[in-house]
Amino acid sequence: MSVNTNADLAEAPLTTMPVDPGPFDCMPELLAAARVAPVVRIPYLDRHAWVVCDRELAKTALTHPMMGKDITLVPDWMRKPGLMVGSQPPPEYARAMIMSDGADHARIRRIHAPVLSPRNTERWGERVAVKVEGFLDELERTAATEVNVVTDFTHKIPLAFISEMLGLPEVAERRLRGITDVMLYSADYPARKEAIGALFGAVEDWVRDPSALRDGVITGLLASSDGPDAAVTEGEVIVWTLGMIITGYETTGSLISAALYEALRRPPTERPRTEEDIKAWIEETLRVHPPFPHPTWRFPLEDIELGGYLIPKGAAVQVSIAAANREPGEEADSFDAARQGLGHLSFGLGAHYCIGASLVRLEAQLAVSGFLGRFPQARLSADTAVEWESEWMIRRMSVLPALLTG
C-alpha cells in the first residue's frame, strides 16, 4: 500500500546480482540474492535498483497503480548508451507498449489486439507448424552428427516466424540474429549501442521504404498511418516493430531451448508425450526458466510500502520473476513437470500481462512436440557441455549439444 510516513519502514538490504552479461547462468545468483530479503537493493549504474522478490509482494508490485512504467519516468542516470531502457525514443516520437501507462498503454494494446486474436493465433500456428517441420527436415539430414539445438533449431523457428509475421524480406533473418545477439548479450556497451542503432536503422528503412516488405503486420500498421484519420504514426510503426522483434523472437527461442534441455537431460520414458503433457511441460519451463528473470522497469509515482520496506518515489524497480515463481528455498535446478508451472508470473500480471502469451505458448508447444516426435531417442552430448549466457534481466542457453539418434 502507499504510505505518507517513512518512519517505521525498513530500508531494503543491499546485495548483488550479475548485472553485466557473460557466458554463465545467472539463476543461482539471482535466487541467492532473493533469499536475503523480500525486497532488496543492488548496485546498478553507480546507483541502486530495488528488486521485489517475494511472490505476493511481486503480485502487488506488478499491479500497483502507483508503480509507473511510462517512458517519461526513466531517470537521466539510467539513459546509458547500450541499455534498452536508455535507448527508448522520446514519447513525442512514440511510446512502446511496455513503457507506457493509462490511456497510452490501452490504445497501443487495443491496436495490437487484432493481430494476436484467437483466429489469427490459430492461423499463425499453422505457419509455425510448417516452419517447425522444415527445420526438423534440415536436422534429420545431420542426424549422424552432434548438433547445437539452439542455433540449429530452437532460435530458427521464432526468428523465421516473426520475420514472416511482420512481413520482413527474407534476407532480414540472418541480419536480425547477429544484431540481437550483440544488443542483448554483449558486455561491450559501445557495441550494444551500435547494435541498437543498427536494429532501429534497419526497421526504419523497411518502414520508410516498404517496397521490399511482404504483406504482414508492418504493412498493416502502415496502412493505418496514412491520411488525416491515421490510427498510428510512422514512428509508432517503427518502435512497435522493434518491440515485436525482441519479444517475439529472442524470448520464445529461449523458452523452446530450455524446454528441450529439460527433456533431453531425462530418459525418453520421462519426457512429455501427449498434447496435455507438452502444455504442462511448457508451463513448468516458464516457471523455472523465465526468459526474462527480471522483466521491465517500474518507477513509483510516490513513496510505496511493500512488506514493511520503503521503495522511494522515482526509484528504479524490478520484480524478480525468477524468485517469485518458486517456493521459498527452492533451488535453481528444480524442474518438476507435475507442478505444471502452477502460479508462475512469467507473462506478468494485470494491465501489462503479455499480449502475445497465447502465441508464445503455441510456438513452444509445436516446437517441442515436433522435435521429440521426430527424434524420440535424442540425448544430450556426453562430450560437449551445455552453455548459458545471461545477466540479471535476460537469460538463455547458448549451446544445447545433442545427438539426435540413440
Protein backbone atom coordinates (compact mmCIF):
# COMPACT_ATOMS: atom_id res chain seq x y z
CA MET A 1 0.00 0.00 0.00
CA SER A 2 1.05 3.65 -0.32
CA VAL A 3 2.22 5.50 2.77
CA ASN A 4 2.52 9.06 3.99
CA THR A 5 5.27 8.45 6.54
CA ASN A 6 8.52 6.52 6.27
CA ALA A 7 9.40 6.45 9.96
CA ASP A 8 8.53 2.80 10.60
CA LEU A 9 9.66 1.35 7.29
CA ALA A 10 12.80 -0.72 6.81
CA GLU A 11 15.41 0.05 4.21
CA ALA A 12 15.80 -2.77 1.70
CA PRO A 13 19.13 -4.54 2.41
CA LEU A 14 21.93 -4.32 -0.09
CA THR A 15 23.02 -7.39 -2.06
CA THR A 16 24.39 -8.11 -5.54
CA MET A 17 23.26 -9.66 -8.80
CA PRO A 18 25.23 -10.14 -12.04
CA VAL A 19 24.22 -7.01 -13.96
CA ASP A 20 26.73 -7.37 -16.81
CA PRO A 21 26.16 -10.10 -19.42
CA GLY A 22 28.55 -13.01 -19.71
CA PRO A 23 28.88 -16.73 -20.51
CA PHE A 24 27.32 -18.01 -17.29
CA ASP A 25 23.97 -18.98 -15.81
CA CYS A 26 22.68 -16.15 -13.64
CA MET A 27 19.87 -18.14 -11.99
CA PRO A 28 21.70 -19.46 -8.88
CA GLU A 29 22.94 -15.94 -8.05
CA LEU A 30 19.51 -14.41 -8.60
CA LEU A 31 17.89 -16.87 -6.22
CA ALA A 32 20.63 -16.41 -3.65
CA ALA A 33 20.11 -12.64 -3.72
CA ALA A 34 16.36 -13.10 -3.34
CA ARG A 35 16.87 -15.08 -0.13
CA VAL A 36 18.41 -12.03 1.56
CA ALA A 37 15.04 -10.29 1.99
CA PRO A 38 11.62 -9.94 0.34
CA VAL A 39 12.81 -6.61 -1.11
CA VAL A 40 16.49 -5.90 -1.80
CA ARG A 41 18.67 -3.24 -3.36
CA ILE A 42 21.51 -3.91 -5.76
CA PRO A 43 24.26 -1.64 -7.09
CA TYR A 44 23.30 -0.56 -10.60
CA LEU A 45 24.97 2.07 -12.81
CA ASP A 46 26.64 3.62 -9.74
CA ARG A 47 23.23 4.00 -8.09
CA HIS A 48 20.77 1.43 -6.73
CA ALA A 49 17.92 -0.59 -8.15
CA TRP A 50 15.22 -2.08 -5.93
CA VAL A 51 14.19 -5.70 -6.54
CA VAL A 52 10.93 -7.23 -5.27
CA CYS A 53 11.50 -10.94 -4.64
CA ASP A 54 8.62 -12.29 -2.55
CA ARG A 55 5.78 -13.86 -4.58
CA GLU A 56 2.88 -12.00 -3.01
CA LEU A 57 4.78 -8.71 -2.98
CA ALA A 58 5.67 -9.32 -6.63
CA LYS A 59 1.99 -9.64 -7.47
CA THR A 60 1.32 -6.39 -5.65
CA ALA A 61 4.15 -4.61 -7.45
CA LEU A 62 3.00 -5.86 -10.86
CA THR A 63 -0.48 -4.48 -10.33
CA HIS A 64 0.17 -1.47 -8.08
CA PRO A 65 -1.46 1.68 -9.51
CA MET A 66 1.46 3.81 -8.29
CA MET A 67 4.15 1.67 -9.95
CA GLY A 68 4.53 3.65 -13.18
CA LYS A 69 6.08 2.36 -16.39
CA ASP A 70 5.83 5.36 -18.71
CA ILE A 71 9.00 6.29 -20.59
CA THR A 72 8.92 9.80 -19.10
CA LEU A 73 9.64 8.31 -15.66
CA VAL A 74 13.06 6.90 -16.63
CA PRO A 75 15.68 8.99 -14.76
CA ASP A 76 18.56 10.54 -16.63
CA TRP A 77 21.13 8.34 -14.91
CA MET A 78 19.55 5.23 -16.50
CA ARG A 79 19.82 6.57 -20.04
CA LYS A 80 23.16 4.92 -20.59
CA PRO A 81 24.06 4.17 -24.24
CA GLY A 82 23.74 0.46 -24.88
CA LEU A 83 20.90 -0.10 -22.43
CA MET A 84 17.49 -0.84 -23.89
CA VAL A 85 15.68 1.38 -21.39
CA GLY A 86 18.07 4.21 -22.20
CA SER A 87 17.55 3.76 -25.90
CA GLN A 88 13.80 4.31 -25.88
CA PRO A 89 12.77 7.22 -28.12
CA PRO A 90 11.16 10.34 -26.67
CA PRO A 91 7.41 9.99 -26.04
CA GLU A 92 6.53 12.56 -28.69
CA TYR A 93 8.07 10.20 -31.27
CA ALA A 94 6.44 7.01 -29.99
CA ARG A 95 5.76 5.02 -26.86
CA ALA A 96 6.37 1.29 -26.65
CA MET A 97 3.68 -0.87 -25.09
CA ILE A 98 5.90 -1.91 -22.19
CA MET A 99 6.94 1.68 -21.47
CA SER A 100 3.52 3.30 -21.34
CA ASP A 101 0.62 3.59 -18.91
CA GLY A 102 -3.02 4.54 -18.75
CA ALA A 103 -4.70 5.73 -21.93
CA ASP A 104 -1.46 5.46 -23.94
CA HIS A 105 -0.99 1.83 -22.99
CA ALA A 106 -4.65 0.97 -23.53
CA ARG A 107 -4.57 2.50 -27.04
CA ILE A 108 -1.40 0.63 -28.07
CA ARG A 109 -2.73 -2.63 -26.69
CA ARG A 110 -6.06 -2.13 -28.47
CA ILE A 111 -4.32 -1.63 -31.82
CA HIS A 112 -2.19 -4.75 -31.31
CA ALA A 113 -5.08 -6.96 -30.15
CA PRO A 114 -6.45 -7.87 -33.61
CA VAL A 115 -3.01 -9.10 -34.71
CA LEU A 116 -2.98 -11.57 -31.82
CA SER A 117 -6.66 -12.51 -31.85
CA PRO A 118 -7.59 -16.19 -31.31
CA ARG A 119 -8.35 -16.54 -35.03
CA ASN A 120 -5.02 -15.02 -36.04
CA THR A 121 -3.17 -17.06 -33.42
CA GLU A 122 -4.61 -20.23 -34.95
CA ARG A 123 -3.54 -19.05 -38.39
CA TRP A 124 -0.06 -18.11 -37.15
CA GLY A 125 0.16 -21.54 -35.54
CA GLU A 126 -0.33 -23.19 -38.91
CA ARG A 127 2.61 -21.21 -40.28
CA VAL A 128 4.76 -22.08 -37.25
CA ALA A 129 3.99 -25.78 -37.77
CA VAL A 130 5.21 -25.56 -41.36
CA LYS A 131 8.46 -23.93 -40.25
CA VAL A 132 8.98 -26.47 -37.47
CA GLU A 133 8.68 -29.33 -39.96
CA GLY A 134 11.08 -27.65 -42.36
CA PHE A 135 13.75 -27.14 -39.73
CA LEU A 136 13.26 -30.70 -38.47
CA ASP A 137 13.87 -31.93 -42.02
CA GLU A 138 17.14 -29.98 -42.04
CA LEU A 139 18.13 -31.51 -38.70
CA GLU A 140 17.32 -35.00 -39.91
CA ARG A 141 19.87 -34.62 -42.67
CA THR A 142 22.56 -34.12 -39.98
CA ALA A 143 21.29 -36.83 -37.64
CA ALA A 144 24.61 -38.68 -37.58
CA THR A 145 26.44 -35.70 -36.09
CA GLU A 146 26.22 -33.67 -32.93
CA VAL A 147 24.09 -30.54 -33.27
CA ASN A 148 23.66 -27.37 -31.25
CA VAL A 149 19.89 -27.43 -30.86
CA VAL A 150 19.84 -23.69 -30.08
CA THR A 151 21.39 -22.46 -33.31
CA ASP A 152 20.20 -25.35 -35.49
CA PHE A 153 16.58 -25.41 -34.35
CA THR A 154 15.11 -23.54 -31.39
CA HIS A 155 16.05 -19.96 -32.36
CA LYS A 156 15.46 -20.54 -36.06
CA ILE A 157 11.74 -21.09 -35.53
CA PRO A 158 10.69 -17.81 -33.87
CA LEU A 159 13.11 -15.79 -36.00
CA ALA A 160 11.67 -17.18 -39.23
CA PHE A 161 8.14 -16.84 -37.93
CA ILE A 162 8.40 -13.27 -36.61
CA SER A 163 10.05 -12.28 -39.89
CA GLU A 164 7.12 -13.72 -41.84
CA MET A 165 4.55 -12.32 -39.42
CA LEU A 166 6.00 -8.82 -39.74
CA GLY A 167 6.45 -9.22 -43.50
CA LEU A 168 10.20 -8.70 -43.44
CA PRO A 169 12.29 -9.53 -46.52
CA GLU A 170 13.84 -12.99 -46.37
CA VAL A 171 17.36 -11.58 -46.18
CA ALA A 172 16.47 -9.95 -42.85
CA GLU A 173 16.67 -13.09 -40.72
CA ARG A 174 20.44 -13.51 -40.55
CA ARG A 175 20.91 -9.78 -40.03
CA LEU A 176 18.44 -9.74 -37.13
CA ARG A 177 20.11 -12.70 -35.40
CA GLY A 178 23.52 -11.02 -35.42
CA ILE A 179 22.18 -7.67 -34.23
CA THR A 180 20.07 -9.02 -31.37
CA ASP A 181 22.85 -11.29 -30.11
CA VAL A 182 25.11 -8.27 -29.59
CA MET A 183 22.35 -5.98 -28.37
CA LEU A 184 21.18 -8.31 -25.60
CA TYR A 185 24.21 -10.35 -24.59
CA SER A 186 27.39 -8.43 -25.31
CA ALA A 187 29.33 -6.97 -22.38
CA ASP A 188 30.73 -4.35 -24.77
CA TYR A 189 28.36 -1.42 -24.21
CA PRO A 190 29.59 0.63 -27.19
CA ALA A 191 28.93 -2.44 -29.34
CA ARG A 192 25.48 -2.78 -27.80
CA LYS A 193 24.77 0.87 -28.57
CA GLU A 194 25.84 0.30 -32.16
CA ALA A 195 23.64 -2.81 -32.42
CA ILE A 196 20.59 -0.98 -31.06
CA GLY A 197 21.18 1.73 -33.64
CA ALA A 198 21.58 -0.87 -36.38
CA LEU A 199 18.30 -2.56 -35.49
CA PHE A 200 16.48 0.77 -35.33
CA GLY A 201 18.01 1.78 -38.64
CA ALA A 202 17.03 -1.47 -40.33
CA VAL A 203 13.43 -1.22 -39.18
CA GLU A 204 13.30 2.46 -40.08
CA ASP A 205 14.48 1.63 -43.61
CA TRP A 206 11.80 -1.06 -44.03
CA VAL A 207 9.04 1.21 -42.73
CA ARG A 208 10.02 4.23 -44.80
CA ASP A 209 10.53 2.20 -47.96
CA PRO A 210 8.23 -0.82 -47.66
CA SER A 211 8.74 -1.94 -51.26
CA ALA A 212 10.85 -4.90 -50.10
CA LEU A 213 8.30 -5.99 -47.48
CA ARG A 214 5.86 -8.83 -47.83
CA ASP A 215 2.29 -8.38 -46.62
CA GLY A 216 2.30 -8.61 -42.85
CA VAL A 217 1.95 -6.69 -39.63
CA ILE A 218 4.18 -3.80 -40.74
CA THR A 219 2.26 -3.17 -43.96
CA GLY A 220 -0.97 -3.46 -41.99
CA LEU A 221 0.16 -0.84 -39.49
CA LEU A 222 1.44 1.38 -42.28
CA ALA A 223 -2.00 1.27 -43.88
CA SER A 224 -3.32 2.69 -40.61
CA SER A 225 -0.76 5.51 -40.65
CA ASP A 226 -1.98 7.20 -43.85
CA GLY A 227 -4.35 10.12 -44.12
CA PRO A 228 -5.81 12.66 -41.69
CA ASP A 229 -7.51 9.98 -39.57
CA ALA A 230 -4.39 7.87 -39.17
CA ALA A 231 -4.59 5.39 -36.29
CA VAL A 232 -0.81 5.21 -35.85
CA THR A 233 2.23 7.25 -36.79
CA GLU A 234 5.25 6.13 -38.76
CA GLY A 235 7.34 6.42 -35.59
CA GLU A 236 4.97 4.12 -33.75
CA VAL A 237 5.21 1.53 -36.51
CA ILE A 238 9.00 1.58 -36.12
CA VAL A 239 9.01 1.36 -32.32
CA TRP A 240 6.30 -1.28 -32.13
CA THR A 241 8.07 -3.41 -34.75
CA LEU A 242 11.25 -3.26 -32.68
CA GLY A 243 9.32 -4.49 -29.64
CA MET A 244 7.78 -7.38 -31.54
CA ILE A 245 11.18 -8.48 -32.85
CA ILE A 246 12.69 -8.66 -29.36
CA THR A 247 9.75 -10.22 -27.54
CA GLY A 248 8.59 -12.39 -30.43
CA TYR A 249 11.98 -13.83 -31.28
CA GLU A 250 14.55 -13.93 -28.51
CA THR A 251 12.36 -14.86 -25.56
CA THR A 252 10.42 -17.51 -27.48
CA GLY A 253 13.63 -19.14 -28.66
CA SER A 254 14.92 -19.18 -25.09
CA LEU A 255 11.74 -20.85 -23.86
CA ILE A 256 11.93 -23.59 -26.51
CA SER A 257 15.61 -24.21 -25.74
CA ALA A 258 15.01 -24.57 -22.01
CA ALA A 259 12.03 -26.89 -22.54
CA LEU A 260 14.08 -29.19 -24.77
CA TYR A 261 17.01 -29.06 -22.36
CA GLU A 262 14.79 -30.38 -19.57
CA ALA A 263 13.54 -33.13 -21.89
CA LEU A 264 16.91 -34.19 -23.29
CA ARG A 265 18.51 -34.48 -19.86
CA ARG A 266 15.90 -37.13 -18.97
CA PRO A 267 15.37 -40.61 -20.40
CA PRO A 268 12.74 -40.86 -23.16
CA THR A 269 10.26 -42.50 -20.80
CA GLU A 270 10.19 -39.36 -18.63
CA ARG A 271 9.60 -36.92 -21.47
CA PRO A 272 6.22 -35.44 -22.42
CA ARG A 273 4.21 -37.41 -24.96
CA THR A 274 0.63 -36.20 -25.20
CA GLU A 275 -0.60 -32.72 -26.07
CA GLU A 276 -1.55 -32.15 -22.44
CA ASP A 277 1.88 -33.35 -21.31
CA ILE A 278 3.53 -30.86 -23.67
CA LYS A 279 1.39 -27.98 -22.41
CA ALA A 280 2.24 -28.80 -18.79
CA TRP A 281 5.93 -29.11 -19.72
CA ILE A 282 5.95 -25.67 -21.30
CA GLU A 283 4.26 -24.11 -18.25
CA GLU A 284 6.82 -25.65 -15.92
CA THR A 285 9.59 -24.40 -18.19
CA LEU A 286 8.11 -20.91 -17.96
CA ARG A 287 8.11 -21.22 -14.17
CA VAL A 288 11.69 -22.48 -13.77
CA HIS A 289 13.31 -20.81 -16.79
CA PRO A 290 11.64 -17.43 -17.38
CA PRO A 291 13.46 -15.85 -20.35
CA PHE A 292 13.22 -12.52 -18.54
CA PRO A 293 14.13 -13.26 -14.89
CA HIS A 294 13.56 -9.55 -14.24
CA PRO A 295 11.27 -8.25 -16.97
CA THR A 296 10.74 -4.49 -17.29
CA TRP A 297 11.31 -1.41 -15.20
CA ARG A 298 8.83 0.28 -12.90
CA PHE A 299 9.11 3.69 -11.21
CA PRO A 300 6.99 4.56 -8.15
CA LEU A 301 4.92 7.71 -8.53
CA GLU A 302 5.14 8.20 -4.77
CA ASP A 303 6.80 6.51 -1.80
CA ILE A 304 5.47 2.95 -1.63
CA GLU A 305 5.49 0.39 1.16
CA LEU A 306 5.87 -3.27 0.28
CA GLY A 307 6.12 -5.83 3.07
CA GLY A 308 7.35 -3.21 5.52
CA TYR A 309 10.07 -1.93 3.17
CA LEU A 310 10.22 1.54 1.70
CA ILE A 311 10.53 1.91 -2.05
CA PRO A 312 11.05 5.64 -2.60
CA LYS A 313 9.35 7.73 -5.23
CA GLY A 314 11.21 7.57 -8.56
CA ALA A 315 13.29 4.51 -7.61
CA ALA A 316 14.26 2.07 -10.35
CA VAL A 317 12.34 -1.11 -9.52
CA GLN A 318 12.46 -4.62 -10.92
CA VAL A 319 10.27 -7.60 -10.00
CA SER A 320 12.16 -10.88 -9.63
CA ILE A 321 10.07 -13.28 -11.67
CA ALA A 322 12.84 -15.84 -11.11
CA ALA A 323 12.26 -15.78 -7.35
CA ALA A 324 8.51 -15.15 -7.37
CA ASN A 325 7.95 -18.26 -9.49
CA ARG A 326 9.49 -20.50 -6.85
CA GLU A 327 8.61 -21.69 -3.38
CA PRO A 328 10.84 -20.36 -0.55
CA GLY A 329 14.13 -22.25 -0.55
CA GLU A 330 13.57 -23.85 -3.93
CA GLU A 331 16.81 -24.25 -5.83
CA ALA A 332 17.61 -23.27 -9.41
CA ASP A 333 17.55 -26.86 -10.68
CA SER A 334 14.00 -27.71 -9.62
CA PHE A 335 12.06 -28.59 -12.77
CA ASP A 336 9.14 -30.90 -11.99
CA ALA A 337 6.59 -31.37 -14.78
CA ALA A 338 3.99 -32.50 -12.25
CA ARG A 339 3.82 -28.92 -10.95
CA GLN A 340 2.59 -27.79 -14.40
CA GLY A 341 4.09 -24.36 -13.78
CA LEU A 342 1.43 -23.57 -11.22
CA GLY A 343 1.32 -19.91 -10.24
CA HIS A 344 4.15 -18.66 -12.45
CA LEU A 345 4.31 -14.95 -13.31
CA SER A 346 6.49 -15.21 -16.39
CA PHE A 347 3.97 -13.39 -18.56
CA GLY A 348 3.34 -10.75 -15.92
CA LEU A 349 0.08 -9.80 -14.23
CA GLY A 350 -2.54 -7.12 -14.58
CA ALA A 351 -2.69 -4.47 -17.29
CA HIS A 352 0.77 -5.32 -18.64
CA TYR A 353 0.18 -9.07 -18.94
CA CYS A 354 1.96 -10.23 -22.11
CA ILE A 355 -0.41 -9.73 -25.03
CA GLY A 356 1.38 -12.42 -27.06
CA ALA A 357 1.32 -15.13 -24.36
CA SER A 358 -1.01 -17.46 -26.29
CA LEU A 359 1.13 -17.28 -29.41
CA VAL A 360 4.37 -17.87 -27.47
CA ARG A 361 2.85 -20.92 -25.80
CA LEU A 362 1.66 -22.27 -29.13
CA GLU A 363 5.07 -21.81 -30.80
CA ALA A 364 6.81 -23.59 -27.92
CA GLN A 365 4.32 -26.45 -27.87
CA LEU A 366 4.66 -27.04 -31.61
CA ALA A 367 8.46 -26.89 -31.49
CA VAL A 368 8.86 -29.24 -28.50
CA SER A 369 6.23 -31.70 -29.74
CA GLY A 370 7.72 -31.75 -33.21
CA PHE A 371 11.30 -32.26 -32.04
CA LEU A 372 10.53 -35.03 -29.55
CA GLY A 373 8.22 -36.73 -32.03
CA ARG A 374 10.85 -36.69 -34.79
CA PHE A 375 13.81 -37.60 -32.55
CA PRO A 376 12.45 -39.69 -29.63
CA GLN A 377 15.90 -41.09 -28.80
CA ALA A 378 17.76 -37.77 -28.90
CA ARG A 379 20.04 -37.15 -25.94
CA LEU A 380 22.48 -34.62 -24.58
CA SER A 381 26.05 -34.95 -25.78
CA ALA A 382 28.50 -36.52 -23.35
CA ASP A 383 31.40 -34.67 -24.96
CA THR A 384 30.16 -31.06 -25.13
CA ALA A 385 28.85 -29.03 -22.21
CA VAL A 386 25.61 -27.10 -22.09
CA GLU A 387 26.34 -23.37 -22.01
CA TRP A 388 24.32 -20.37 -20.83
CA GLU A 389 24.67 -16.65 -21.29
CA SER A 390 22.87 -14.13 -19.17
CA GLU A 391 22.84 -11.18 -16.83
CA TRP A 392 20.18 -10.36 -14.26
CA MET A 393 17.38 -9.37 -16.67
CA ILE A 394 17.72 -11.82 -19.56
CA ARG A 395 18.88 -15.42 -19.74
CA ARG A 396 19.22 -18.04 -22.43
CA MET A 397 21.02 -21.22 -23.33
CA SER A 398 23.66 -20.61 -25.99
CA VAL A 399 24.78 -24.21 -26.51
CA LEU A 400 22.47 -27.22 -26.21
CA PRO A 401 24.57 -30.07 -27.66
CA ALA A 402 22.65 -33.16 -28.68
CA LEU A 403 22.88 -36.39 -30.61
CA LEU A 404 19.64 -36.98 -32.45
CA THR A 405 19.73 -40.77 -32.62
CA GLY A 406 20.01 -43.37 -29.90
